[in-house]
Amino acid sequence: MTVITDTMPHLESAALGVWVKSGSRSETATQHGISHLLEHMAFKGTTTRSAREIAETIESVGGDLNAATSIEHTGYFARILKNDVTLAADILADILQNSIFDERELAREQHVICQEIGASHDNPDDYVFDLFQEAAFPDQPIGRTILGTEDSVRSFDTDAVRAYMSDHYVGDSMVVSAAGNVDHDQLVDLANDRFHTLRVSGAPTPEKARYIGGEHRMASSHEQAHIVLGLEGRAYNSDGFYAAQILSSILGGGMSSRLFQEVREKRGLCYSVYSFHWAFADSGVFGVAAATGENDVAELLPVILEELHRASKDITEEEVSRVRAQIRAGLLMSLESPSSRAGQLARQQILWGRPIPLQETVDRINRIDAARVRHVAGQILEAARPAVAGIGPVQNMLDYSAIENTFR
């Protein structure tokens, strides 16, 4: 187990967490949704604390506990005052090693997650991204939803949850990360003492991602059409990662971005439009999301496609310079938040095998010029089939073959 700290002695608080290199893409087809279910169940009682005692123990010192499951990792974290780091470490170690997975608690939490699944389906601006991910990576773990389905979630028993935790929550797949008023040597001692029962290694290797592309179109009675269009992006360790991040910001990263100015400000086609670049360990997706009324659906995608193709030809040094400044500012601002910094360090360790010094990241970004961004834009636009998802009044949305032909 790796222990990473960023000491901020001027603070009175600390953020402490345990991140596991296990998320929804670590699941087999019969395990769909079990990572997220396990994250919920970890707080439902251990051999020494009930679910209520876990909550009361941390809240009695003014702290809070939380957790999150993503495609590639799961994090469990606490925010506490500096004198309560030992308490937080003790609770995190307890829930990650001694959870009892009571059958009654499991049944209740399965019902809660089914409610969460239902709520996500009622929220088209979220659900459309599930459809988009499935279109990009069909029939593989990385393309399945994090929440699972109602049937898959209800299929798990306590033995299945316990076995999944035993297989994936092993020492070399876990990172203890803390930032704020913390002492590194103290945290190392705590990790040695509290996590000594973990198996050292042996977690299964996730299935390699295979970007394919395709379409999911779901007509519904929603007033707005929610649309996501994307292509294969770049992995974290790829040569084009930072250029793709800059490209995304230029296209749709804020009010000064090309998409916002052209689609919203100039043409008034929608209220919300933005681009994104999600990088994974071995692939990525680069996309644009927008929502518009039924009368503007037909016009929206052609404008977005035009802006995408234009990006490979005329991105300027001025635009790249502006985005570099935005990224640098974001990095520096994130250093001021212990929670952000702890999560950042953990993710860097999981993805790159080491914390990345700020100056190294800044130097990499500063080496990206407009020619490099245009080149990576051209590679993204030429290399793969698009992935498209739409929910709402999408009957007049540009058909998939027409979209696909623009990339040939």
Protein backbone atom coordinates (compact mmCIF):
# COMPACT_ATOMS: atom_id res chain seq x y z
CA MET A 1 0.00 0.00 0.00
CA THR A 2 1.30 3.44 -0.96
CA VAL A 3 1.02 6.33 1.48
CA ILE A 4 1.18 9.89 0.10
CA THR A 5 0.88 13.17 1.97
CA ASP A 6 0.97 16.86 1.18
CA THR A 7 1.57 18.70 4.43
CA MET A 8 -0.04 22.13 4.80
CA PRO A 9 1.00 23.13 8.32
CA HIS A 10 -0.89 26.43 8.25
CA LEU A 11 -4.26 24.63 8.14
CA GLU A 12 -6.28 23.42 11.11
CA SER A 13 -7.86 20.58 9.14
CA ALA A 14 -6.91 17.58 7.04
CA ALA A 15 -8.41 15.44 4.29
CA LEU A 16 -7.64 11.74 4.45
CA GLY A 17 -8.77 9.01 2.12
CA VAL A 18 -8.20 5.53 0.79
CA TRP A 19 -8.48 5.08 -2.99
CA VAL A 20 -8.81 1.65 -4.56
CA LYS A 21 -7.85 0.79 -8.11
CA SER A 22 -11.23 -0.82 -8.65
CA GLY A 23 -14.31 0.63 -10.29
CA SER A 24 -17.05 -0.36 -12.67
CA ARG A 25 -14.62 -1.47 -15.38
CA SER A 26 -13.19 -4.03 -12.93
CA GLU A 27 -16.49 -5.92 -12.96
CA THR A 28 -17.46 -8.98 -14.97
CA ALA A 29 -20.83 -9.04 -16.75
CA THR A 30 -22.41 -10.83 -13.76
CA GLN A 31 -20.94 -8.25 -11.34
CA HIS A 32 -22.44 -5.16 -12.99
CA GLY A 33 -22.92 -2.54 -10.27
CA ILE A 34 -21.20 -4.41 -7.45
CA SER A 35 -18.38 -1.82 -7.04
CA HIS A 36 -20.92 0.90 -6.28
CA LEU A 37 -22.96 -1.41 -4.03
CA LEU A 38 -19.82 -2.29 -2.08
CA GLU A 39 -19.05 1.41 -1.62
CA HIS A 40 -22.49 1.84 -0.03
CA MET A 41 -22.22 -1.30 2.09
CA ALA A 42 -18.86 -0.34 3.57
CA PHE A 43 -20.63 2.22 5.77
CA LYS A 44 -23.33 -0.18 6.99
CA GLY A 45 -21.57 -1.70 9.96
CA THR A 46 -18.39 -3.50 10.98
CA THR A 47 -17.49 -6.05 13.63
CA THR A 48 -16.93 -3.18 16.10
CA ARG A 49 -19.27 -0.37 14.93
CA SER A 50 -22.85 -0.19 13.73
CA ALA A 51 -23.75 2.03 10.78
CA ARG A 52 -25.04 4.65 13.22
CA GLU A 53 -21.88 4.47 15.34
CA ILE A 54 -19.72 5.03 12.26
CA ALA A 55 -21.65 8.20 11.45
CA GLU A 56 -21.80 9.43 15.05
CA THR A 57 -18.10 8.80 15.72
CA ILE A 58 -16.89 10.98 12.88
CA GLU A 59 -19.58 13.65 13.29
CA SER A 60 -18.96 13.93 17.03
CA VAL A 61 -15.60 15.55 16.20
CA GLY A 62 -17.08 17.76 13.47
CA GLY A 63 -15.81 15.62 10.61
CA ASP A 64 -17.56 13.93 7.73
CA LEU A 65 -17.19 10.73 5.72
CA ASN A 66 -18.00 10.17 2.07
CA ALA A 67 -17.19 7.89 -0.83
CA ALA A 68 -17.47 7.75 -4.60
CA THR A 69 -17.26 5.08 -7.28
CA SER A 70 -15.99 5.87 -10.75
CA ILE A 71 -15.17 3.82 -13.82
CA GLU A 72 -11.59 3.11 -12.74
CA HIS A 73 -11.40 3.60 -8.97
CA THR A 74 -13.34 3.94 -5.73
CA GLY A 75 -12.49 6.45 -3.02
CA TYR A 76 -13.39 6.58 0.67
CA PHE A 77 -12.50 9.86 2.37
CA ALA A 78 -12.83 11.90 5.51
CA ARG A 79 -12.46 15.59 6.30
CA ILE A 80 -11.44 16.23 9.90
CA LEU A 81 -9.55 18.59 12.18
CA LYS A 82 -5.82 18.00 12.48
CA ASN A 83 -6.07 16.26 15.86
CA ASP A 84 -8.53 13.67 14.56
CA VAL A 85 -6.44 12.12 11.76
CA THR A 86 -5.91 8.96 13.82
CA LEU A 87 -9.64 8.60 14.38
CA ALA A 88 -10.39 9.01 10.67
CA ALA A 89 -7.72 6.48 9.71
CA ASP A 90 -9.13 4.03 12.24
CA ILE A 91 -12.67 4.34 10.83
CA LEU A 92 -11.52 4.01 7.21
CA ALA A 93 -9.45 0.95 8.05
CA ASP A 94 -12.37 -0.54 9.94
CA ILE A 95 -14.94 -0.17 7.15
CA LEU A 96 -12.51 -1.45 4.49
CA GLN A 97 -11.48 -4.58 6.39
CA ASN A 98 -14.13 -5.44 8.95
CA SER A 99 -17.47 -4.74 7.27
CA ILE A 100 -19.97 -7.46 8.12
CA PHE A 101 -22.35 -6.99 5.15
CA ASP A 102 -25.49 -7.78 7.10
CA GLU A 103 -28.21 -9.30 4.90
CA ARG A 104 -30.89 -6.88 6.13
CA GLU A 105 -28.65 -3.89 5.47
CA LEU A 106 -27.83 -5.31 2.03
CA ALA A 107 -31.52 -5.63 1.12
CA ARG A 108 -32.17 -2.04 2.23
CA GLU A 109 -29.19 -0.68 0.32
CA GLN A 110 -30.13 -2.61 -2.81
CA HIS A 111 -33.52 -0.91 -2.65
CA VAL A 112 -31.87 2.50 -2.14
CA ILE A 113 -29.62 1.99 -5.17
CA CYS A 114 -32.58 0.89 -7.30
CA GLN A 115 -34.19 4.20 -6.33
CA GLU A 116 -30.96 5.92 -7.41
CA ILE A 117 -31.07 4.11 -10.75
CA GLY A 118 -34.66 5.20 -11.26
CA ALA A 119 -33.77 8.79 -10.41
CA SER A 120 -30.91 8.76 -12.92
CA HIS A 121 -33.26 7.56 -15.66
CA ASP A 122 -35.58 10.45 -14.83
CA ASN A 123 -32.70 12.89 -15.29
CA PRO A 124 -31.95 12.95 -19.04
CA ASP A 125 -28.92 15.26 -18.83
CA ASP A 126 -27.23 12.55 -16.72
CA TYR A 127 -28.71 9.45 -18.32
CA VAL A 128 -27.62 10.52 -21.80
CA PHE A 129 -23.99 10.10 -20.69
CA ASP A 130 -24.69 6.49 -19.70
CA LEU A 131 -26.04 5.87 -23.19
CA PHE A 132 -23.06 7.69 -24.71
CA GLN A 133 -20.52 5.59 -22.77
CA GLU A 134 -22.29 2.42 -23.88
CA ALA A 135 -22.25 3.59 -27.49
CA ALA A 136 -18.52 4.31 -27.29
CA PHE A 137 -17.59 1.02 -25.58
CA PRO A 138 -20.40 -1.49 -26.23
CA ASP A 139 -20.47 -4.94 -24.60
CA GLN A 140 -17.55 -4.35 -22.26
CA PRO A 141 -17.13 -3.27 -18.62
CA ILE A 142 -15.92 0.26 -19.37
CA GLY A 143 -19.11 0.92 -21.32
CA ARG A 144 -21.53 -0.22 -18.63
CA THR A 145 -23.11 2.09 -16.09
CA ILE A 146 -21.53 2.53 -12.66
CA LEU A 147 -24.85 2.03 -10.86
CA GLY A 148 -25.73 -1.26 -12.55
CA THR A 149 -29.29 -2.30 -13.37
CA GLU A 150 -32.10 -3.05 -10.94
CA ASP A 151 -31.83 -6.75 -11.81
CA SER A 152 -28.05 -6.91 -11.41
CA VAL A 153 -28.04 -4.97 -8.12
CA ARG A 154 -30.75 -7.14 -6.61
CA SER A 155 -28.93 -10.32 -7.68
CA PHE A 156 -25.99 -9.89 -5.29
CA ASP A 157 -25.85 -11.62 -1.91
CA THR A 158 -23.47 -10.92 0.94
CA ASP A 159 -21.05 -13.62 -0.21
CA ALA A 160 -20.74 -11.97 -3.63
CA VAL A 161 -20.01 -8.56 -2.11
CA ARG A 162 -17.51 -10.02 0.34
CA ALA A 163 -15.75 -11.99 -2.41
CA TYR A 164 -15.48 -8.95 -4.66
CA MET A 165 -13.95 -6.91 -1.85
CA SER A 166 -11.49 -9.68 -1.05
CA ASP A 167 -10.41 -9.97 -4.68
CA HIS A 168 -9.97 -6.26 -5.42
CA TYR A 169 -9.16 -4.50 -2.14
CA VAL A 170 -5.52 -5.55 -1.86
CA GLY A 171 -2.47 -3.62 -0.75
CA ASP A 172 -0.80 -2.77 -4.05
CA SER A 173 -4.14 -1.62 -5.51
CA MET A 174 -4.81 0.85 -2.69
CA VAL A 175 -3.47 4.30 -1.90
CA VAL A 176 -3.73 6.19 1.38
CA SER A 177 -3.57 9.88 0.58
CA ALA A 178 -3.82 12.87 2.89
CA ALA A 179 -3.41 16.61 2.61
CA GLY A 180 -3.60 19.42 5.13
CA ASN A 181 -2.14 19.49 8.63
CA VAL A 182 -0.83 15.92 8.57
CA ASP A 183 2.45 14.24 9.45
CA HIS A 184 3.72 11.77 6.86
CA ASP A 185 5.55 9.45 9.24
CA GLN A 186 2.54 9.31 11.53
CA LEU A 187 0.30 8.31 8.62
CA VAL A 188 2.74 5.61 7.52
CA ASP A 189 2.69 4.19 11.06
CA LEU A 190 -1.12 4.32 11.09
CA ALA A 191 -1.32 2.53 7.75
CA ASN A 192 1.10 -0.17 8.93
CA ASP A 193 -0.88 -0.66 12.11
CA ARG A 194 -4.45 -0.40 10.78
CA PHE A 195 -4.18 -2.13 7.39
CA HIS A 196 -1.89 -5.04 8.19
CA THR A 197 -4.58 -7.68 7.49
CA LEU A 198 -4.86 -6.81 3.78
CA ARG A 199 -3.68 -9.28 1.19
CA VAL A 200 -0.59 -7.82 -0.46
CA SER A 201 -1.50 -8.19 -4.14
CA GLY A 202 -3.37 -10.26 -6.70
CA ALA A 203 -6.27 -8.06 -7.85
CA PRO A 204 -7.66 -9.08 -11.29
CA THR A 205 -6.59 -6.99 -14.29
CA PRO A 206 -9.48 -5.09 -15.93
CA GLU A 207 -10.44 -5.96 -19.49
CA LYS A 208 -8.66 -3.75 -22.02
CA ALA A 209 -10.86 -0.98 -23.42
CA ARG A 210 -11.88 -1.19 -27.09
CA TYR A 211 -13.41 2.02 -28.43
CA ILE A 212 -15.98 1.11 -31.10
CA GLY A 213 -18.55 3.90 -31.45
CA GLY A 214 -22.20 3.79 -32.42
CA GLU A 215 -25.51 5.35 -31.47
CA HIS A 216 -28.19 5.22 -28.78
CA ARG A 217 -31.21 7.38 -29.58
CA MET A 218 -34.15 7.40 -27.15
CA ALA A 219 -37.23 9.41 -28.11
CA SER A 220 -39.15 10.65 -25.08
CA SER A 221 -41.62 13.34 -24.02
CA HIS A 222 -38.97 15.55 -22.41
CA GLU A 223 -39.13 19.17 -23.51
CA GLN A 224 -35.41 19.35 -24.28
CA ALA A 225 -33.33 17.08 -26.48
CA HIS A 226 -30.16 16.08 -24.63
CA ILE A 227 -27.40 15.13 -27.05
CA VAL A 228 -23.82 13.91 -26.65
CA LEU A 229 -21.49 13.47 -29.62
CA GLY A 230 -17.97 12.14 -29.24
CA LEU A 231 -14.97 10.27 -30.59
CA GLU A 232 -12.13 8.27 -29.12
CA GLY A 233 -9.96 10.47 -26.93
CA ARG A 234 -6.55 9.92 -25.41
CA ALA A 235 -5.42 7.81 -22.46
CA TYR A 236 -3.74 9.42 -19.47
CA ASN A 237 -0.32 8.11 -20.45
CA SER A 238 -0.62 8.90 -24.15
CA ASP A 239 1.42 11.49 -25.95
CA GLY A 240 -1.68 13.48 -26.90
CA PHE A 241 -3.34 13.68 -23.48
CA TYR A 242 -2.51 17.31 -22.64
CA ALA A 243 -3.18 18.51 -26.19
CA ALA A 244 -6.63 16.86 -26.05
CA GLN A 245 -7.33 18.59 -22.73
CA ILE A 246 -6.41 21.96 -24.25
CA LEU A 247 -8.47 21.22 -27.35
CA SER A 248 -11.52 20.49 -25.17
CA SER A 249 -11.16 23.78 -23.31
CA ILE A 250 -10.81 25.77 -26.53
CA LEU A 251 -13.89 24.16 -28.02
CA GLY A 252 -16.23 24.21 -25.06
CA GLY A 253 -14.52 24.96 -21.78
CA GLY A 254 -16.20 28.22 -20.81
CA MET A 255 -18.02 31.33 -21.94
CA SER A 256 -15.19 32.36 -24.24
CA SER A 257 -15.01 28.94 -25.92
CA ARG A 258 -15.81 28.44 -29.58
CA LEU A 259 -18.91 26.33 -29.04
CA PHE A 260 -20.41 28.66 -26.44
CA GLN A 261 -19.84 31.70 -28.65
CA GLU A 262 -21.06 30.10 -31.88
CA VAL A 263 -23.88 27.83 -30.68
CA ARG A 264 -25.33 29.88 -27.85
CA GLU A 265 -24.26 33.49 -28.19
CA LYS A 266 -24.37 33.86 -31.98
CA ARG A 267 -27.12 31.41 -32.98
CA GLY A 268 -29.09 31.00 -29.74
CA LEU A 269 -29.57 27.29 -30.37
CA CYS A 270 -29.30 26.16 -26.75
CA TYR A 271 -28.76 27.21 -23.17
CA SER A 272 -26.04 24.66 -22.39
CA VAL A 273 -23.21 23.44 -24.61
CA TYR A 274 -19.76 22.25 -23.57
CA SER A 275 -17.02 19.83 -24.50
CA PHE A 276 -15.17 17.29 -22.39
CA HIS A 277 -12.25 14.89 -22.52
CA TRP A 278 -12.43 11.84 -20.27
CA ALA A 279 -9.14 9.98 -20.10
CA PHE A 280 -8.83 6.41 -18.88
CA ALA A 281 -5.81 4.20 -18.32
CA ASP A 282 -5.88 2.80 -21.87
CA SER A 283 -8.36 4.91 -23.84
CA GLY A 284 -10.54 7.99 -23.59
CA VAL A 285 -13.49 9.84 -25.04
CA PHE A 286 -13.59 13.34 -26.46
CA GLY A 287 -17.05 14.79 -26.78
CA VAL A 288 -19.56 17.61 -26.85
CA ALA A 289 -22.79 17.77 -24.86
CA ALA A 290 -25.73 20.08 -25.52
CA ALA A 291 -29.43 20.40 -24.83
CA THR A 292 -31.91 22.17 -27.07
CA GLY A 293 -35.61 22.44 -27.89
CA GLU A 294 -37.35 20.30 -30.48
CA ASN A 295 -37.40 23.08 -33.08
CA ASP A 296 -33.61 23.52 -32.99
CA VAL A 297 -32.54 19.86 -32.92
CA ALA A 298 -32.03 19.61 -36.67
CA GLU A 299 -29.71 22.64 -36.77
CA LEU A 300 -27.69 21.93 -33.63
CA LEU A 301 -25.48 18.99 -34.63
CA PRO A 302 -24.39 20.38 -38.01
CA VAL A 303 -23.12 23.52 -36.25
CA ILE A 304 -21.27 21.46 -33.63
CA LEU A 305 -19.76 19.24 -36.31
CA GLU A 306 -18.61 22.29 -38.25
CA GLU A 307 -16.86 23.66 -35.17
CA LEU A 308 -15.20 20.30 -34.47
CA HIS A 309 -13.76 20.08 -37.97
CA ARG A 310 -12.69 23.72 -37.97
CA ALA A 311 -10.65 23.09 -34.83
CA SER A 312 -8.15 20.92 -36.71
CA LYS A 313 -7.42 23.79 -39.11
CA ASP A 314 -7.43 27.17 -37.39
CA ILE A 315 -6.76 26.97 -33.64
CA THR A 316 -4.50 29.89 -32.77
CA GLU A 317 -1.59 30.43 -30.42
CA GLU A 318 -3.69 33.05 -28.63
CA GLU A 319 -6.38 30.47 -27.83
CA VAL A 320 -3.83 27.92 -26.63
CA SER A 321 -2.11 30.51 -24.47
CA ARG A 322 -5.41 31.49 -22.84
CA VAL A 323 -6.28 27.86 -22.04
CA ARG A 324 -2.81 27.14 -20.69
CA ALA A 325 -3.32 30.02 -18.26
CA GLN A 326 -6.72 28.62 -17.26
CA ILE A 327 -5.26 25.17 -16.61
CA ARG A 328 -2.37 26.56 -14.59
CA ALA A 329 -4.80 28.63 -12.50
CA GLY A 330 -6.98 25.58 -11.92
CA LEU A 331 -3.99 23.53 -10.80
CA LEU A 332 -2.84 26.20 -8.39
CA MET A 333 -6.34 26.71 -6.99
CA SER A 334 -6.71 22.97 -6.41
CA LEU A 335 -3.61 23.05 -4.21
CA GLU A 336 -5.48 25.27 -1.77
CA SER A 337 -8.10 22.60 -1.03
CA PRO A 338 -6.92 19.64 1.09
CA SER A 339 -9.69 17.42 -0.26
CA SER A 340 -8.86 18.24 -3.87
CA ARG A 341 -5.16 17.77 -3.28
CA ALA A 342 -5.55 14.41 -1.52
CA GLY A 343 -7.71 13.11 -4.35
CA GLN A 344 -5.36 14.48 -6.97
CA LEU A 345 -2.35 12.75 -5.41
CA ALA A 346 -4.18 9.43 -5.11
CA ARG A 347 -5.34 9.48 -8.72
CA GLN A 348 -1.85 10.35 -9.93
CA GLN A 349 -0.41 7.42 -8.00
CA ILE A 350 -3.03 5.04 -9.40
CA LEU A 351 -2.69 6.25 -12.99
CA TRP A 352 1.00 7.13 -13.29
CA GLY A 353 2.54 5.20 -10.41
CA ARG A 354 3.81 8.37 -8.72
CA PRO A 355 2.68 11.84 -7.68
CA ILE A 356 3.33 14.33 -10.47
CA PRO A 357 5.07 17.53 -9.30
CA LEU A 358 3.15 20.67 -10.21
CA GLN A 359 6.05 22.14 -12.16
CA GLU A 360 6.33 18.98 -14.26
CA THR A 361 2.67 19.28 -15.23
CA VAL A 362 3.04 22.99 -15.99
CA ASP A 363 6.13 22.29 -18.13
CA ARG A 364 4.25 19.65 -20.13
CA ILE A 365 1.34 22.01 -20.73
CA ASN A 366 3.64 24.88 -21.71
CA ARG A 367 5.24 22.71 -24.40
CA ILE A 368 1.89 22.36 -26.20
CA ASP A 369 1.51 24.87 -29.02
CA ALA A 370 -1.27 25.50 -31.52
CA ALA A 371 0.29 23.24 -34.16
CA ARG A 372 0.30 20.35 -31.70
CA VAL A 373 -3.34 20.92 -30.73
CA ARG A 374 -4.39 21.10 -34.40
CA HIS A 375 -2.48 17.87 -35.09
CA VAL A 376 -4.14 15.97 -32.23
CA ALA A 377 -7.53 17.39 -33.24
CA GLY A 378 -6.98 16.01 -36.73
CA GLN A 379 -6.02 12.60 -35.35
CA ILE A 380 -9.12 12.45 -33.14
CA LEU A 381 -11.45 13.49 -35.96
CA GLU A 382 -10.01 11.08 -38.52
CA ALA A 383 -9.35 7.94 -36.50
CA ALA A 384 -12.67 6.52 -35.31
CA ARG A 385 -16.42 6.21 -35.66
CA PRO A 386 -18.39 8.72 -33.62
CA ALA A 387 -20.37 7.78 -30.52
CA VAL A 388 -23.74 9.51 -30.34
CA ALA A 389 -26.49 9.52 -27.72
CA GLY A 390 -29.73 11.44 -27.59
CA ILE A 391 -32.74 11.57 -25.26
CA GLY A 392 -35.92 13.58 -25.75
CA PRO A 393 -37.50 14.92 -28.94
CA VAL A 394 -34.65 13.65 -31.10
CA GLN A 395 -36.67 12.55 -34.14
CA ASN A 396 -35.24 15.43 -36.20
CA MET A 397 -31.67 14.96 -34.99
CA LEU A 398 -29.17 14.38 -37.80
CA ASP A 399 -29.10 10.65 -38.51
CA TYR A 400 -26.08 8.58 -37.59
CA SER A 401 -24.90 7.82 -41.12
CA ALA A 402 -24.82 11.55 -41.94
CA ILE A 403 -22.84 12.25 -38.77
CA GLU A 404 -20.44 9.41 -39.54
CA ASN A 405 -19.90 10.61 -43.11
CA THR A 406 -18.55 13.95 -41.88
CA PHE A 407 -15.58 12.10 -40.37
CA ARG A 408 -14.58 10.28 -43.57
